[in-house]
Amino acid sequence: MTNSHWSSSEKKIAQRVYRSAVDRELAEIMADFKERAANARTPADIWAVEHHLTRTRKQFDSKYDFRYSQLTWVFGILLREKRIEVKELDGLAEEKLRSIQALADILENSGK
């Protein structure tokens, strides 16, 4: 399900959707970090914030992979997490849209 060929118009759509999702998630991470840091009262709280941030960074880095061979998977994850909407993907080939939706459905049904 890699859908390896991406037309130039699909690449523009993919870049826009990907960048938008990254920006939104980073804004959420930043807000969460600021809240946790503001509520830290002890040295143990500081390390808990650091631990959470490290775990979040690893999850973020493993999810966001802008290689065209991986974008169907990435968009499937983002769709399942409701970080993107199907309408944002308008303009992608029907096969890609079906693959992305199928992956989102599989992930939803597997409880991931």
PDB file of N, CA and C in Angstrom:
ATOM      1  N   MET A   1       0.806  -1.187   0.000  1.00  0.00           N
ATOM      2  CA  MET A   1       0.000   0.000   0.000  1.00  0.00           C
ATOM      3  C   MET A   1       0.856   1.259   0.000  1.00  0.00           C
ATOM      4  N   THR A   2       1.956   1.264  -0.676  1.00  0.00           N
ATOM      5  CA  THR A   2       2.809   2.440  -0.649  1.00  0.00           C
ATOM      6  C   THR A   2       2.379   3.503  -1.639  1.00  0.00           C
ATOM      7  N   ASN A   3       1.664   3.128  -2.713  1.00  0.00           N
ATOM      8  CA  ASN A   3       1.227   4.102  -3.710  1.00  0.00           C
ATOM      9  C   ASN A   3       2.397   5.012  -4.067  1.00  0.00           C
ATOM     10  N   SER A   4       3.451   4.438  -4.620  1.00  0.00           N
ATOM     11  CA  SER A   4       4.723   5.122  -4.743  1.00  0.00           C
ATOM     12  C   SER A   4       4.741   6.320  -5.676  1.00  0.00           C
ATOM     13  N   HIS A   5       3.901   6.362  -6.701  1.00  0.00           N
ATOM     14  CA  HIS A   5       3.939   7.519  -7.595  1.00  0.00           C
ATOM     15  C   HIS A   5       3.016   8.623  -7.104  1.00  0.00           C
ATOM     16  N   TRP A   6       3.596   9.769  -6.896  1.00  0.00           N
ATOM     17  CA  TRP A   6       2.835  10.945  -6.472  1.00  0.00           C
ATOM     18  C   TRP A   6       3.009  12.008  -7.543  1.00  0.00           C
ATOM     19  N   SER A   7       1.920  12.464  -8.123  1.00  0.00           N
ATOM     20  CA  SER A   7       1.983  13.532  -9.123  1.00  0.00           C
ATOM     21  C   SER A   7       2.410  14.823  -8.432  1.00  0.00           C
ATOM     22  N   SER A   8       2.771  15.818  -9.218  1.00  0.00           N
ATOM     23  CA  SER A   8       3.204  17.086  -8.611  1.00  0.00           C
ATOM     24  C   SER A   8       2.058  17.734  -7.835  1.00  0.00           C
ATOM     25  N   SER A   9       0.827  17.624  -8.330  1.00  0.00           N
ATOM     26  CA  SER A   9      -0.301  18.205  -7.580  1.00  0.00           C
ATOM     27  C   SER A   9      -0.551  17.422  -6.288  1.00  0.00           C
ATOM     28  N   GLU A  10      -0.384  16.099  -6.332  1.00  0.00           N
ATOM     29  CA  GLU A  10      -0.535  15.292  -5.112  1.00  0.00           C
ATOM     30  C   GLU A  10       0.554  15.620  -4.106  1.00  0.00           C
ATOM     31  N   LYS A  11       1.753  15.858  -4.593  1.00  0.00           N
ATOM     32  CA  LYS A  11       2.852  16.219  -3.696  1.00  0.00           C
ATOM     33  C   LYS A  11       2.558  17.521  -2.969  1.00  0.00           C
ATOM     34  N   LYS A  12       1.982  18.488  -3.674  1.00  0.00           N
ATOM     35  CA  LYS A  12       1.640  19.765  -3.046  1.00  0.00           C
ATOM     36  C   LYS A  12       0.569  19.569  -1.972  1.00  0.00           C
ATOM     37  N   ILE A  13      -0.434  18.755  -2.279  1.00  0.00           N
ATOM     38  CA  ILE A  13      -1.487  18.458  -1.309  1.00  0.00           C
ATOM     39  C   ILE A  13      -0.883  17.762  -0.087  1.00  0.00           C
ATOM     40  N   ALA A  14      -0.051  16.758  -0.351  1.00  0.00           N
ATOM     41  CA  ALA A  14       0.562  15.986   0.735  1.00  0.00           C
ATOM     42  C   ALA A  14       1.410  16.879   1.626  1.00  0.00           C
ATOM     43  N   GLN A  15       2.195  17.753   1.016  1.00  0.00           N
ATOM     44  CA  GLN A  15       3.044  18.651   1.798  1.00  0.00           C
ATOM     45  C   GLN A  15       2.204  19.579   2.661  1.00  0.00           C
ATOM     46  N   ARG A  16       1.127  20.123   2.115  1.00  0.00           N
ATOM     47  CA  ARG A  16       0.254  21.025   2.853  1.00  0.00           C
ATOM     48  C   ARG A  16      -0.413  20.311   4.029  1.00  0.00           C
ATOM     49  N   VAL A  17      -0.965  19.118   3.758  1.00  0.00           N
ATOM     50  CA  VAL A  17      -1.662  18.361   4.807  1.00  0.00           C
ATOM     51  C   VAL A  17      -0.677  17.935   5.894  1.00  0.00           C
ATOM     52  N   TYR A  18       0.474  17.435   5.484  1.00  0.00           N
ATOM     53  CA  TYR A  18       1.498  16.979   6.419  1.00  0.00           C
ATOM     54  C   TYR A  18       1.960  18.136   7.308  1.00  0.00           C
ATOM     55  N   ARG A  19       2.320  19.254   6.685  1.00  0.00           N
ATOM     56  CA  ARG A  19       2.823  20.413   7.431  1.00  0.00           C
ATOM     57  C   ARG A  19       1.776  20.934   8.411  1.00  0.00           C
ATOM     58  N   SER A  20       0.542  20.969   7.968  1.00  0.00           N
ATOM     59  CA  SER A  20      -0.549  21.432   8.818  1.00  0.00           C
ATOM     60  C   SER A  20      -0.721  20.517  10.031  1.00  0.00           C
ATOM     61  N   ALA A  21      -0.678  19.212   9.807  1.00  0.00           N
ATOM     62  CA  ALA A  21      -0.810  18.252  10.908  1.00  0.00           C
ATOM     63  C   ALA A  21       0.365  18.376  11.874  1.00  0.00           C
ATOM     64  N   VAL A  22       1.568  18.503  11.349  1.00  0.00           N
ATOM     65  CA  VAL A  22       2.755  18.670  12.191  1.00  0.00           C
ATOM     66  C   VAL A  22       2.612  19.935  13.043  1.00  0.00           C
ATOM     67  N   ASP A  23       2.246  21.026  12.407  1.00  0.00           N
ATOM     68  CA  ASP A  23       2.116  22.297  13.135  1.00  0.00           C
ATOM     69  C   ASP A  23       1.073  22.211  14.235  1.00  0.00           C
ATOM     70  N   ARG A  24      -0.074  21.588  13.935  1.00  0.00           N
ATOM     71  CA  ARG A  24      -1.130  21.464  14.953  1.00  0.00           C
ATOM     72  C   ARG A  24      -0.671  20.596  16.116  1.00  0.00           C
ATOM     73  N   GLU A  25      -0.021  19.471  15.801  1.00  0.00           N
ATOM     74  CA  GLU A  25       0.404  18.593  16.888  1.00  0.00           C
ATOM     75  C   GLU A  25       1.513  19.234  17.709  1.00  0.00           C
ATOM     76  N   LEU A  26       2.436  19.921  17.067  1.00  0.00           N
ATOM     77  CA  LEU A  26       3.494  20.597  17.818  1.00  0.00           C
ATOM     78  C   LEU A  26       2.913  21.689  18.719  1.00  0.00           C
ATOM     79  N   ALA A  27       1.885  22.375  18.267  1.00  0.00           N
ATOM     80  CA  ALA A  27       1.231  23.385  19.108  1.00  0.00           C
ATOM     81  C   ALA A  27       0.611  22.725  20.340  1.00  0.00           C
ATOM     82  N   GLU A  28       0.007  21.553  20.152  1.00  0.00           N
ATOM     83  CA  GLU A  28      -0.564  20.814  21.293  1.00  0.00           C
ATOM     84  C   GLU A  28       0.534  20.382  22.263  1.00  0.00           C
ATOM     85  N   ILE A  29       1.631  19.893  21.717  1.00  0.00           N
ATOM     86  CA  ILE A  29       2.746  19.438  22.552  1.00  0.00           C
ATOM     87  C   ILE A  29       3.319  20.618  23.340  1.00  0.00           C
ATOM     88  N   MET A  30       3.466  21.748  22.669  1.00  0.00           N
ATOM     89  CA  MET A  30       4.002  22.937  23.326  1.00  0.00           C
ATOM     90  C   MET A  30       3.085  23.399  24.453  1.00  0.00           C
ATOM     91  N   ALA A  31       1.783  23.443  24.207  1.00  0.00           N
ATOM     92  CA  ALA A  31       0.833  23.863  25.241  1.00  0.00           C
ATOM     93  C   ALA A  31       0.868  22.904  26.431  1.00  0.00           C
ATOM     94  N   ASP A  32       0.916  21.602  26.144  1.00  0.00           N
ATOM     95  CA  ASP A  32       0.982  20.602  27.207  1.00  0.00           C
ATOM     96  C   ASP A  32       2.268  20.765  28.014  1.00  0.00           C
ATOM     97  N   PHE A  33       3.387  20.976  27.319  1.00  0.00           N
ATOM     98  CA  PHE A  33       4.662  21.168  27.998  1.00  0.00           C
ATOM     99  C   PHE A  33       4.621  22.393  28.925  1.00  0.00           C
ATOM    100  N   LYS A  34       4.102  23.498  28.406  1.00  0.00           N
ATOM    101  CA  LYS A  34       4.040  24.722  29.214  1.00  0.00           C
ATOM    102  C   LYS A  34       3.193  24.521  30.467  1.00  0.00           C
ATOM    103  N   GLU A  35       2.082  23.818  30.309  1.00  0.00           N
ATOM    104  CA  GLU A  35       1.217  23.560  31.466  1.00  0.00           C
ATOM    105  C   GLU A  35       1.918  22.674  32.488  1.00  0.00           C
ATOM    106  N   ARG A  36       2.550  21.607  32.004  1.00  0.00           N
ATOM    107  CA  ARG A  36       3.256  20.708  32.919  1.00  0.00           C
ATOM    108  C   ARG A  36       4.403  21.426  33.620  1.00  0.00           C
ATOM    109  N   ALA A  37       5.160  22.217  32.868  1.00  0.00           N
ATOM    110  CA  ALA A  37       6.294  22.937  33.454  1.00  0.00           C
ATOM    111  C   ALA A  37       5.808  23.968  34.473  1.00  0.00           C
ATOM    112  N   ALA A  38       4.724  24.659  34.164  1.00  0.00           N
ATOM    113  CA  ALA A  38       4.178  25.657  35.088  1.00  0.00           C
ATOM    114  C   ALA A  38       3.682  25.011  36.380  1.00  0.00           C
ATOM    115  N   ASN A  39       3.237  23.776  36.302  1.00  0.00           N
ATOM    116  CA  ASN A  39       2.715  23.085  37.486  1.00  0.00           C
ATOM    117  C   ASN A  39       3.790  22.306  38.245  1.00  0.00           C
ATOM    118  N   ALA A  40       5.002  22.274  37.725  1.00  0.00           N
ATOM    119  CA  ALA A  40       6.087  21.554  38.407  1.00  0.00           C
ATOM    120  C   ALA A  40       6.449  22.295  39.695  1.00  0.00           C
ATOM    121  N   ARG A  41       6.476  21.552  40.783  1.00  0.00           N
ATOM    122  CA  ARG A  41       6.767  22.157  42.087  1.00  0.00           C
ATOM    123  C   ARG A  41       8.000  21.557  42.753  1.00  0.00           C
ATOM    124  N   THR A  42       8.386  20.356  42.321  1.00  0.00           N
ATOM    125  CA  THR A  42       9.514  19.675  42.949  1.00  0.00           C
ATOM    126  C   THR A  42      10.482  19.208  41.868  1.00  0.00           C
ATOM    127  N   PRO A  43      11.701  18.866  42.283  1.00  0.00           N
ATOM    128  CA  PRO A  43      12.624  18.301  41.298  1.00  0.00           C
ATOM    129  C   PRO A  43      12.055  17.051  40.610  1.00  0.00           C
ATOM    130  N   ALA A  44      11.320  16.241  41.354  1.00  0.00           N
ATOM    131  CA  ALA A  44      10.718  15.049  40.747  1.00  0.00           C
ATOM    132  C   ALA A  44       9.727  15.447  39.652  1.00  0.00           C
ATOM    133  N   ASP A  45       9.029  16.546  39.840  1.00  0.00           N
ATOM    134  CA  ASP A  45       8.101  17.033  38.822  1.00  0.00           C
ATOM    135  C   ASP A  45       8.840  17.416  37.541  1.00  0.00           C
ATOM    136  N   ILE A  46      10.001  18.021  37.704  1.00  0.00           N
ATOM    137  CA  ILE A  46      10.811  18.412  36.541  1.00  0.00           C
ATOM    138  C   ILE A  46      11.188  17.178  35.733  1.00  0.00           C
ATOM    139  N   TRP A  47      11.640  16.130  36.425  1.00  0.00           N
ATOM    140  CA  TRP A  47      12.055  14.908  35.719  1.00  0.00           C
ATOM    141  C   TRP A  47      10.845  14.216  35.081  1.00  0.00           C
ATOM    142  N   ALA A  48       9.695  14.331  35.726  1.00  0.00           N
ATOM    143  CA  ALA A  48       8.481  13.756  35.130  1.00  0.00           C
ATOM    144  C   ALA A  48       8.130  14.486  33.837  1.00  0.00           C
ATOM    145  N   VAL A  49       8.297  15.805  33.832  1.00  0.00           N
ATOM    146  CA  VAL A  49       8.050  16.585  32.612  1.00  0.00           C
ATOM    147  C   VAL A  49       9.037  16.162  31.530  1.00  0.00           C
ATOM    148  N   GLU A  50      10.292  16.027  31.912  1.00  0.00           N
ATOM    149  CA  GLU A  50      11.328  15.621  30.941  1.00  0.00           C
ATOM    150  C   GLU A  50      11.027  14.242  30.388  1.00  0.00           C
ATOM    151  N   HIS A  51      10.634  13.309  31.247  1.00  0.00           N
ATOM    152  CA  HIS A  51      10.309  11.946  30.809  1.00  0.00           C
ATOM    153  C   HIS A  51       9.133  11.970  29.833  1.00  0.00           C
ATOM    154  N   HIS A  52       8.102  12.718  30.168  1.00  0.00           N
ATOM    155  CA  HIS A  52       6.930  12.816  29.301  1.00  0.00           C
ATOM    156  C   HIS A  52       7.312  13.422  27.947  1.00  0.00           C
ATOM    157  N   LEU A  53       8.118  14.465  27.972  1.00  0.00           N
ATOM    158  CA  LEU A  53       8.532  15.132  26.738  1.00  0.00           C
ATOM    159  C   LEU A  53       9.373  14.201  25.855  1.00  0.00           C
ATOM    160  N   THR A  54      10.252  13.439  26.470  1.00  0.00           N
ATOM    161  CA  THR A  54      11.065  12.477  25.713  1.00  0.00           C
ATOM    162  C   THR A  54      10.183  11.419  25.064  1.00  0.00           C
ATOM    163  N   ARG A  55       9.242  10.889  25.821  1.00  0.00           N
ATOM    164  CA  ARG A  55       8.323   9.879  25.285  1.00  0.00           C
ATOM    165  C   ARG A  55       7.472  10.466  24.146  1.00  0.00           C
ATOM    166  N   THR A  56       7.013  11.679  24.338  1.00  0.00           N
ATOM    167  CA  THR A  56       6.213  12.353  23.322  1.00  0.00           C
ATOM    168  C   THR A  56       7.032  12.579  22.052  1.00  0.00           C
ATOM    169  N   ARG A  57       8.281  12.984  22.213  1.00  0.00           N
ATOM    170  CA  ARG A  57       9.167  13.221  21.056  1.00  0.00           C
ATOM    171  C   ARG A  57       9.375  11.933  20.273  1.00  0.00           C
ATOM    172  N   LYS A  58       9.586  10.824  20.964  1.00  0.00           N
ATOM    173  CA  LYS A  58       9.780   9.545  20.282  1.00  0.00           C
ATOM    174  C   LYS A  58       8.531   9.143  19.514  1.00  0.00           C
ATOM    175  N   GLN A  59       7.366   9.332  20.112  1.00  0.00           N
ATOM    176  CA  GLN A  59       6.109   9.012  19.432  1.00  0.00           C
ATOM    177  C   GLN A  59       5.920   9.909  18.212  1.00  0.00           C
ATOM    178  N   PHE A  60       6.193  11.179  18.369  1.00  0.00           N
ATOM    179  CA  PHE A  60       6.070  12.141  17.285  1.00  0.00           C
ATOM    180  C   PHE A  60       7.001  11.767  16.135  1.00  0.00           C
ATOM    181  N   ASP A  61       8.266  11.523  16.458  1.00  0.00           N
ATOM    182  CA  ASP A  61       9.257  11.195  15.431  1.00  0.00           C
ATOM    183  C   ASP A  61       8.948   9.888  14.708  1.00  0.00           C
ATOM    184  N   SER A  62       8.365   8.930  15.417  1.00  0.00           N
ATOM    185  CA  SER A  62       8.048   7.661  14.762  1.00  0.00           C
ATOM    186  C   SER A  62       6.808   7.779  13.879  1.00  0.00           C
ATOM    187  N   LYS A  63       5.947   8.745  14.171  1.00  0.00           N
ATOM    188  CA  LYS A  63       4.717   8.922  13.391  1.00  0.00           C
ATOM    189  C   LYS A  63       4.951   9.737  12.126  1.00  0.00           C
ATOM    190  N   TYR A  64       5.662  10.829  12.233  1.00  0.00           N
ATOM    191  CA  TYR A  64       5.804  11.753  11.109  1.00  0.00           C
ATOM    192  C   TYR A  64       7.031  11.408  10.270  1.00  0.00           C
ATOM    193  N   ASP A  65       6.773  10.893   9.089  1.00  0.00           N
ATOM    194  CA  ASP A  65       7.819  10.470   8.156  1.00  0.00           C
ATOM    195  C   ASP A  65       7.399  10.944   6.767  1.00  0.00           C
ATOM    196  N   PHE A  66       8.029  12.002   6.287  1.00  0.00           N
ATOM    197  CA  PHE A  66       7.628  12.556   5.001  1.00  0.00           C
ATOM    198  C   PHE A  66       8.419  11.946   3.845  1.00  0.00           C
ATOM    199  N   ARG A  67       8.395  10.648   3.756  1.00  0.00           N
ATOM    200  CA  ARG A  67       8.858   9.979   2.547  1.00  0.00           C
ATOM    201  C   ARG A  67       7.586   9.565   1.815  1.00  0.00           C
ATOM    202  N   TYR A  68       7.548   9.821   0.530  1.00  0.00           N
ATOM    203  CA  TYR A  68       6.326   9.518  -0.216  1.00  0.00           C
ATOM    204  C   TYR A  68       5.932   8.057  -0.076  1.00  0.00           C
ATOM    205  N   SER A  69       6.915   7.188   0.087  1.00  0.00           N
ATOM    206  CA  SER A  69       6.611   5.766   0.254  1.00  0.00           C
ATOM    207  C   SER A  69       5.915   5.474   1.575  1.00  0.00           C
ATOM    208  N   GLN A  70       5.955   6.425   2.513  1.00  0.00           N
ATOM    209  CA  GLN A  70       5.359   6.235   3.836  1.00  0.00           C
ATOM    210  C   GLN A  70       4.103   7.064   4.071  1.00  0.00           C
ATOM    211  N   LEU A  71       3.808   7.988   3.173  1.00  0.00           N
ATOM    212  CA  LEU A  71       2.725   8.932   3.437  1.00  0.00           C
ATOM    213  C   LEU A  71       1.347   8.285   3.535  1.00  0.00           C
ATOM    214  N   THR A  72       1.094   7.235   2.799  1.00  0.00           N
ATOM    215  CA  THR A  72      -0.200   6.567   2.922  1.00  0.00           C
ATOM    216  C   THR A  72      -0.384   6.089   4.359  1.00  0.00           C
ATOM    217  N   TRP A  73       0.645   5.499   4.912  1.00  0.00           N
ATOM    218  CA  TRP A  73       0.621   5.020   6.302  1.00  0.00           C
ATOM    219  C   TRP A  73       0.471   6.195   7.270  1.00  0.00           C
ATOM    220  N   VAL A  74       1.283   7.230   7.080  1.00  0.00           N
ATOM    221  CA  VAL A  74       1.236   8.405   7.955  1.00  0.00           C
ATOM    222  C   VAL A  74      -0.154   9.026   7.934  1.00  0.00           C
ATOM    223  N   PHE A  75      -0.707   9.221   6.743  1.00  0.00           N
ATOM    224  CA  PHE A  75      -2.039   9.823   6.649  1.00  0.00           C
ATOM    225  C   PHE A  75      -3.110   8.902   7.231  1.00  0.00           C
ATOM    226  N   GLY A  76      -2.930   7.595   7.112  1.00  0.00           N
ATOM    227  CA  GLY A  76      -3.865   6.664   7.745  1.00  0.00           C
ATOM    228  C   GLY A  76      -3.864   6.821   9.257  1.00  0.00           C
ATOM    229  N   ILE A  77      -2.680   6.949   9.839  1.00  0.00           N
ATOM    230  CA  ILE A  77      -2.559   7.164  11.288  1.00  0.00           C
ATOM    231  C   ILE A  77      -3.199   8.490  11.676  1.00  0.00           C
ATOM    232  N   LEU A  78      -2.873   9.537  10.936  1.00  0.00           N
ATOM    233  CA  LEU A  78      -3.392  10.863  11.260  1.00  0.00           C
ATOM    234  C   LEU A  78      -4.911  10.932  11.110  1.00  0.00           C
ATOM    235  N   LEU A  79      -5.431  10.242  10.108  1.00  0.00           N
ATOM    236  CA  LEU A  79      -6.877  10.187   9.922  1.00  0.00           C
ATOM    237  C   LEU A  79      -7.533   9.454  11.084  1.00  0.00           C
ATOM    238  N   ARG A  80      -6.958   8.340  11.485  1.00  0.00           N
ATOM    239  CA  ARG A  80      -7.481   7.560  12.609  1.00  0.00           C
ATOM    240  C   ARG A  80      -7.447   8.378  13.898  1.00  0.00           C
ATOM    241  N   GLU A  81      -6.387   9.163  14.087  1.00  0.00           N
ATOM    242  CA  GLU A  81      -6.256  10.002  15.280  1.00  0.00           C
ATOM    243  C   GLU A  81      -7.076  11.286  15.183  1.00  0.00           C
ATOM    244  N   LYS A  82      -7.742  11.479  14.052  1.00  0.00           N
ATOM    245  CA  LYS A  82      -8.540  12.680  13.794  1.00  0.00           C
ATOM    246  C   LYS A  82      -7.677  13.945  13.789  1.00  0.00           C
ATOM    247  N   ARG A  83      -6.436  13.794  13.371  1.00  0.00           N
ATOM    248  CA  ARG A  83      -5.531  14.936  13.222  1.00  0.00           C
ATOM    249  C   ARG A  83      -5.667  15.555  11.839  1.00  0.00           C
ATOM    250  N   ILE A  84      -6.226  14.778  10.904  1.00  0.00           N
ATOM    251  CA  ILE A  84      -6.577  15.291   9.589  1.00  0.00           C
ATOM    252  C   ILE A  84      -7.979  14.782   9.258  1.00  0.00           C
ATOM    253  N   GLU A  85      -8.581  15.409   8.266  1.00  0.00           N
ATOM    254  CA  GLU A  85      -9.890  14.984   7.785  1.00  0.00           C
ATOM    255  C   GLU A  85      -9.755  14.549   6.340  1.00  0.00           C
ATOM    256  N   VAL A  86     -10.632  13.660   5.907  1.00  0.00           N
ATOM    257  CA  VAL A  86     -10.592  13.146   4.543  1.00  0.00           C
ATOM    258  C   VAL A  86     -10.647  14.294   3.539  1.00  0.00           C
ATOM    259  N   LYS A  87     -11.456  15.311   3.812  1.00  0.00           N
ATOM    260  CA  LYS A  87     -11.601  16.420   2.862  1.00  0.00           C
ATOM    261  C   LYS A  87     -10.278  17.155   2.626  1.00  0.00           C
ATOM    262  N   GLU A  88      -9.352  17.110   3.582  1.00  0.00           N
ATOM    263  CA  GLU A  88      -8.047  17.742   3.386  1.00  0.00           C
ATOM    264  C   GLU A  88      -7.236  17.015   2.318  1.00  0.00           C
ATOM    265  N   LEU A  89      -7.591  15.758   2.063  1.00  0.00           N
ATOM    266  CA  LEU A  89      -6.863  14.933   1.108  1.00  0.00           C
ATOM    267  C   LEU A  89      -7.465  14.982  -0.288  1.00  0.00           C
ATOM    268  N   ASP A  90      -8.497  15.807  -0.462  1.00  0.00           N
ATOM    269  CA  ASP A  90      -9.112  15.945  -1.787  1.00  0.00           C
ATOM    270  C   ASP A  90      -8.048  16.295  -2.814  1.00  0.00           C
ATOM    271  N   GLY A  91      -8.085  15.584  -3.921  1.00  0.00           N
ATOM    272  CA  GLY A  91      -7.109  15.806  -4.981  1.00  0.00           C
ATOM    273  C   GLY A  91      -6.105  14.675  -5.092  1.00  0.00           C
ATOM    274  N   LEU A  92      -6.025  13.824  -4.065  1.00  0.00           N
ATOM    275  CA  LEU A  92      -5.172  12.640  -4.167  1.00  0.00           C
ATOM    276  C   LEU A  92      -5.888  11.605  -5.025  1.00  0.00           C
ATOM    277  N   ALA A  93      -5.125  10.731  -5.634  1.00  0.00           N
ATOM    278  CA  ALA A  93      -5.698   9.661  -6.450  1.00  0.00           C
ATOM    279  C   ALA A  93      -6.647   8.818  -5.612  1.00  0.00           C
ATOM    280  N   GLU A  94      -7.700   8.352  -6.246  1.00  0.00           N
ATOM    281  CA  GLU A  94      -8.717   7.556  -5.553  1.00  0.00           C
ATOM    282  C   GLU A  94      -8.099   6.339  -4.857  1.00  0.00           C
ATOM    283  N   GLU A  95      -7.119   5.714  -5.492  1.00  0.00           N
ATOM    284  CA  GLU A  95      -6.449   4.549  -4.893  1.00  0.00           C
ATOM    285  C   GLU A  95      -5.759   4.930  -3.583  1.00  0.00           C
ATOM    286  N   LYS A  96      -5.105   6.081  -3.569  1.00  0.00           N
ATOM    287  CA  LYS A  96      -4.439   6.542  -2.342  1.00  0.00           C
ATOM    288  C   LYS A  96      -5.468   6.811  -1.244  1.00  0.00           C
ATOM    289  N   LEU A  97      -6.562   7.477  -1.623  1.00  0.00           N
ATOM    290  CA  LEU A  97      -7.602   7.778  -0.642  1.00  0.00           C
ATOM    291  C   LEU A  97      -8.184   6.493  -0.045  1.00  0.00           C
ATOM    292  N   ARG A  98      -8.423   5.505  -0.900  1.00  0.00           N
ATOM    293  CA  ARG A  98      -8.946   4.217  -0.407  1.00  0.00           C
ATOM    294  C   ARG A  98      -7.951   3.553   0.531  1.00  0.00           C
ATOM    295  N   SER A  99      -6.681   3.586   0.176  1.00  0.00           N
ATOM    296  CA  SER A  99      -5.646   2.977   1.024  1.00  0.00           C
ATOM    297  C   SER A  99      -5.529   3.680   2.367  1.00  0.00           C
ATOM    298  N   ILE A 100      -5.564   4.996   2.342  1.00  0.00           N
ATOM    299  CA  ILE A 100      -5.474   5.773   3.576  1.00  0.00           C
ATOM    300  C   ILE A 100      -6.665   5.464   4.472  1.00  0.00           C
ATOM    301  N   GLN A 101      -7.861   5.464   3.900  1.00  0.00           N
ATOM    302  CA  GLN A 101      -9.067   5.170   4.678  1.00  0.00           C
ATOM    303  C   GLN A 101      -9.028   3.744   5.215  1.00  0.00           C
ATOM    304  N   ALA A 102      -8.570   2.797   4.391  1.00  0.00           N
ATOM    305  CA  ALA A 102      -8.488   1.395   4.825  1.00  0.00           C
ATOM    306  C   ALA A 102      -7.525   1.259   6.006  1.00  0.00           C
ATOM    307  N   LEU A 103      -6.386   1.928   5.939  1.00  0.00           N
ATOM    308  CA  LEU A 103      -5.431   1.881   7.051  1.00  0.00           C
ATOM    309  C   LEU A 103      -6.025   2.502   8.317  1.00  0.00           C
ATOM    310  N   ALA A 104      -6.705   3.623   8.169  1.00  0.00           N
ATOM    311  CA  ALA A 104      -7.343   4.256   9.330  1.00  0.00           C
ATOM    312  C   ALA A 104      -8.372   3.312   9.945  1.00  0.00           C
ATOM    313  N   ASP A 105      -9.148   2.639   9.090  1.00  0.00           N
ATOM    314  CA  ASP A 105     -10.152   1.688   9.582  1.00  0.00           C
ATOM    315  C   ASP A 105      -9.518   0.510  10.287  1.00  0.00           C
ATOM    316  N   ILE A 106      -8.440  -0.015   9.720  1.00  0.00           N
ATOM    317  CA  ILE A 106      -7.736  -1.149  10.337  1.00  0.00           C
ATOM    318  C   ILE A 106      -7.210  -0.743  11.722  1.00  0.00           C
ATOM    319  N   LEU A 107      -6.587   0.429  11.782  1.00  0.00           N
ATOM    320  CA  LEU A 107      -6.048   0.911  13.063  1.00  0.00           C
ATOM    321  C   LEU A 107      -7.157   1.139  14.076  1.00  0.00           C
ATOM    322  N   GLU A 108      -8.272   1.676  13.614  1.00  0.00           N
ATOM    323  CA  GLU A 108      -9.416   1.911  14.506  1.00  0.00           C
ATOM    324  C   GLU A 108      -9.939   0.587  15.055  1.00  0.00           C
ATOM    325  N   ASN A 109     -10.069  -0.388  14.183  1.00  0.00           N
ATOM    326  CA  ASN A 109     -10.616  -1.680  14.583  1.00  0.00           C
ATOM    327  C   ASN A 109      -9.646  -2.500  15.423  1.00  0.00           C
ATOM    328  N   SER A 110      -8.351  -2.213  15.305  1.00  0.00           N
ATOM    329  CA  SER A 110      -7.370  -2.929  16.098  1.00  0.00           C
ATOM    330  C   SER A 110      -7.156  -2.269  17.462  1.00  0.00           C
ATOM    331  N   GLY A 111      -7.774  -1.096  17.644  1.00  0.00           N
ATOM    332  CA  GLY A 111      -7.675  -0.405  18.925  1.00  0.00           C
ATOM    333  C   GLY A 111      -6.394   0.358  19.125  1.00  0.00           C
ATOM    334  N   LYS A 112      -5.642   0.607  18.066  1.00  0.00           N
ATOM    335  CA  LYS A 112      -4.371   1.326  18.204  1.00  0.00           C
ATOM    336  C   LYS A 112      -4.565   2.800  18.090  1.00  0.00           C
TER     337      LYS A 112
END
